[in-house]
Amino acid sequence: VRRLFGKRGWADGSVVGWLPADDNEGLELWHIKHDDGDKEDLDVAEIEEAVAAYESAMAAEAEAQTPSKGGDGGAAAAAPEEDRSFMQ
């Protein structure tokens, strides 16, 4: 996942836990551990935004690293779809 923290900038991290809504008064949460060691819990809207930001960043990085080939109009290969089964 990827989150923007104001002037600190972007922080990448991983989902390391999940709390179902039935176990948390109706609020589903994902526990995130960021690469810098910080931790936080995200609700559904926040995790969706963080996953989308990460996917966008990885697609942009892959596109920047893909050399343009003649005849394809410079189109980069599509990024592989992420497994979102943890979100269901």
C-alpha atoms as a PDB file:
ATOM      1  CA  VAL A   1       0.000   0.000   0.000  1.00  0.00           C
ATOM      2  CA  ARG A   2       1.045   3.620  -0.382  1.00  0.00           C
ATOM      3  CA  ARG A   3      -0.036   6.577   1.769  1.00  0.00           C
ATOM      4  CA  LEU A   4       0.692  10.295   1.575  1.00  0.00           C
ATOM      5  CA  PHE A   5       1.661  11.955   4.845  1.00  0.00           C
ATOM      6  CA  GLY A   6       1.716  15.689   4.182  1.00  0.00           C
ATOM      7  CA  LYS A   7       5.200  17.174   4.079  1.00  0.00           C
ATOM      8  CA  ARG A   8       6.756  13.780   4.938  1.00  0.00           C
ATOM      9  CA  GLY A   9       5.702  12.503   1.526  1.00  0.00           C
ATOM     10  CA  TRP A  10       4.782   8.995   0.458  1.00  0.00           C
ATOM     11  CA  ALA A  11       5.183   5.905   2.616  1.00  0.00           C
ATOM     12  CA  ASP A  12       4.874   2.351   1.323  1.00  0.00           C
ATOM     13  CA  GLY A  13       3.829  -0.528   3.515  1.00  0.00           C
ATOM     14  CA  SER A  14       2.175  -3.926   3.726  1.00  0.00           C
ATOM     15  CA  VAL A  15      -1.067  -5.267   5.103  1.00  0.00           C
ATOM     16  CA  VAL A  16      -0.108  -7.416   8.093  1.00  0.00           C
ATOM     17  CA  GLY A  17      -3.524  -7.951   9.650  1.00  0.00           C
ATOM     18  CA  TRP A  18      -7.253  -7.675   9.160  1.00  0.00           C
ATOM     19  CA  LEU A  19     -10.095  -7.242  11.629  1.00  0.00           C
ATOM     20  CA  PRO A  20     -13.531  -8.249  10.310  1.00  0.00           C
ATOM     21  CA  ALA A  21     -16.440  -5.887  10.914  1.00  0.00           C
ATOM     22  CA  ASP A  22     -18.260  -8.569  12.931  1.00  0.00           C
ATOM     23  CA  ASP A  23     -15.409  -8.529  15.453  1.00  0.00           C
ATOM     24  CA  ASN A  24     -15.141  -4.738  15.661  1.00  0.00           C
ATOM     25  CA  GLU A  25     -18.557  -3.146  16.164  1.00  0.00           C
ATOM     26  CA  GLY A  26     -19.234  -3.068  12.414  1.00  0.00           C
ATOM     27  CA  LEU A  27     -15.945  -1.436  11.365  1.00  0.00           C
ATOM     28  CA  GLU A  28     -13.636  -3.517   9.182  1.00  0.00           C
ATOM     29  CA  LEU A  29      -9.951  -2.571   9.581  1.00  0.00           C
ATOM     30  CA  TRP A  30      -6.666  -3.453   7.897  1.00  0.00           C
ATOM     31  CA  HIS A  31      -3.464  -3.216   9.961  1.00  0.00           C
ATOM     32  CA  ILE A  32      -0.592  -1.697   7.971  1.00  0.00           C
ATOM     33  CA  LYS A  33       3.112  -1.788   8.747  1.00  0.00           C
ATOM     34  CA  HIS A  34       4.985   0.841   6.758  1.00  0.00           C
ATOM     35  CA  ASP A  35       8.498   0.299   5.454  1.00  0.00           C
ATOM     36  CA  ASP A  36       9.729   2.955   7.906  1.00  0.00           C
ATOM     37  CA  GLY A  37       8.345   0.952  10.856  1.00  0.00           C
ATOM     38  CA  ASP A  38       5.241   3.062  11.504  1.00  0.00           C
ATOM     39  CA  LYS A  39       1.924   1.226  11.882  1.00  0.00           C
ATOM     40  CA  GLU A  40      -1.682   2.244  11.375  1.00  0.00           C
ATOM     41  CA  ASP A  41      -5.167   0.829  10.898  1.00  0.00           C
ATOM     42  CA  LEU A  42      -7.124   1.694   7.752  1.00  0.00           C
ATOM     43  CA  ASP A  43     -10.849   1.441   7.089  1.00  0.00           C
ATOM     44  CA  VAL A  44     -12.333   0.271   3.767  1.00  0.00           C
ATOM     45  CA  ALA A  45     -12.126   3.636   1.986  1.00  0.00           C
ATOM     46  CA  GLU A  46      -8.561   4.246   3.204  1.00  0.00           C
ATOM     47  CA  ILE A  47      -7.279   0.791   2.183  1.00  0.00           C
ATOM     48  CA  GLU A  48      -8.854   1.106  -1.260  1.00  0.00           C
ATOM     49  CA  GLU A  49      -7.179   4.495  -1.722  1.00  0.00           C
ATOM     50  CA  ALA A  50      -3.824   3.175  -0.453  1.00  0.00           C
ATOM     51  CA  VAL A  51      -3.924   0.130  -2.755  1.00  0.00           C
ATOM     52  CA  ALA A  52      -4.856   2.314  -5.747  1.00  0.00           C
ATOM     53  CA  ALA A  53      -2.003   4.735  -4.976  1.00  0.00           C
ATOM     54  CA  TYR A  54       0.468   1.836  -4.781  1.00  0.00           C
ATOM     55  CA  GLU A  55      -0.800   0.290  -8.035  1.00  0.00           C
ATOM     56  CA  SER A  56      -0.562   3.649  -9.790  1.00  0.00           C
ATOM     57  CA  ALA A  57       2.995   4.197  -8.565  1.00  0.00           C
ATOM     58  CA  MET A  58       4.091   0.711  -9.626  1.00  0.00           C
ATOM     59  CA  ALA A  59       2.484   1.099 -13.074  1.00  0.00           C
ATOM     60  CA  ALA A  60       4.214   4.449 -13.572  1.00  0.00           C
ATOM     61  CA  GLU A  61       7.532   2.938 -12.483  1.00  0.00           C
ATOM     62  CA  ALA A  62       7.114  -0.025 -14.842  1.00  0.00           C
ATOM     63  CA  GLU A  63       6.199   2.292 -17.719  1.00  0.00           C
ATOM     64  CA  ALA A  64       9.251   4.440 -17.066  1.00  0.00           C
ATOM     65  CA  GLN A  65      11.471   1.338 -17.177  1.00  0.00           C
ATOM     66  CA  THR A  66       9.906  -0.151 -20.337  1.00  0.00           C
ATOM     67  CA  PRO A  67      11.808   0.879 -23.446  1.00  0.00           C
ATOM     68  CA  SER A  68       9.641   2.054 -26.322  1.00  0.00           C
ATOM     69  CA  LYS A  69       9.516  -0.463 -29.182  1.00  0.00           C
ATOM     70  CA  GLY A  70       8.957   0.521 -32.774  1.00  0.00           C
ATOM     71  CA  GLY A  71       5.492  -0.106 -34.172  1.00  0.00           C
ATOM     72  CA  ASP A  72       3.596  -0.133 -30.902  1.00  0.00           C
ATOM     73  CA  GLY A  73       3.222   3.617 -30.637  1.00  0.00           C
ATOM     74  CA  GLY A  74       5.337   3.596 -27.480  1.00  0.00           C
ATOM     75  CA  ALA A  75       2.660   1.808 -25.466  1.00  0.00           C
ATOM     76  CA  ALA A  76       3.987   0.020 -22.410  1.00  0.00           C
ATOM     77  CA  ALA A  77       2.759  -3.407 -21.406  1.00  0.00           C
ATOM     78  CA  ALA A  78      -0.175  -3.371 -19.006  1.00  0.00           C
ATOM     79  CA  ALA A  79       0.738  -3.896 -15.388  1.00  0.00           C
ATOM     80  CA  PRO A  80      -0.417  -7.244 -13.965  1.00  0.00           C
ATOM     81  CA  GLU A  81      -3.592  -7.061 -11.923  1.00  0.00           C
ATOM     82  CA  GLU A  82      -3.059  -7.152  -8.173  1.00  0.00           C
ATOM     83  CA  ASP A  83      -4.573  -9.897  -6.034  1.00  0.00           C
ATOM     84  CA  ARG A  84      -7.240  -8.201  -3.914  1.00  0.00           C
ATOM     85  CA  SER A  85      -8.650 -11.375  -2.387  1.00  0.00           C
ATOM     86  CA  PHE A  86      -7.583 -10.189   1.080  1.00  0.00           C
ATOM     87  CA  MET A  87     -10.162  -7.408   0.748  1.00  0.00           C
ATOM     88  CA  GLN A  88     -13.134  -9.746   0.349  1.00  0.00           C
END
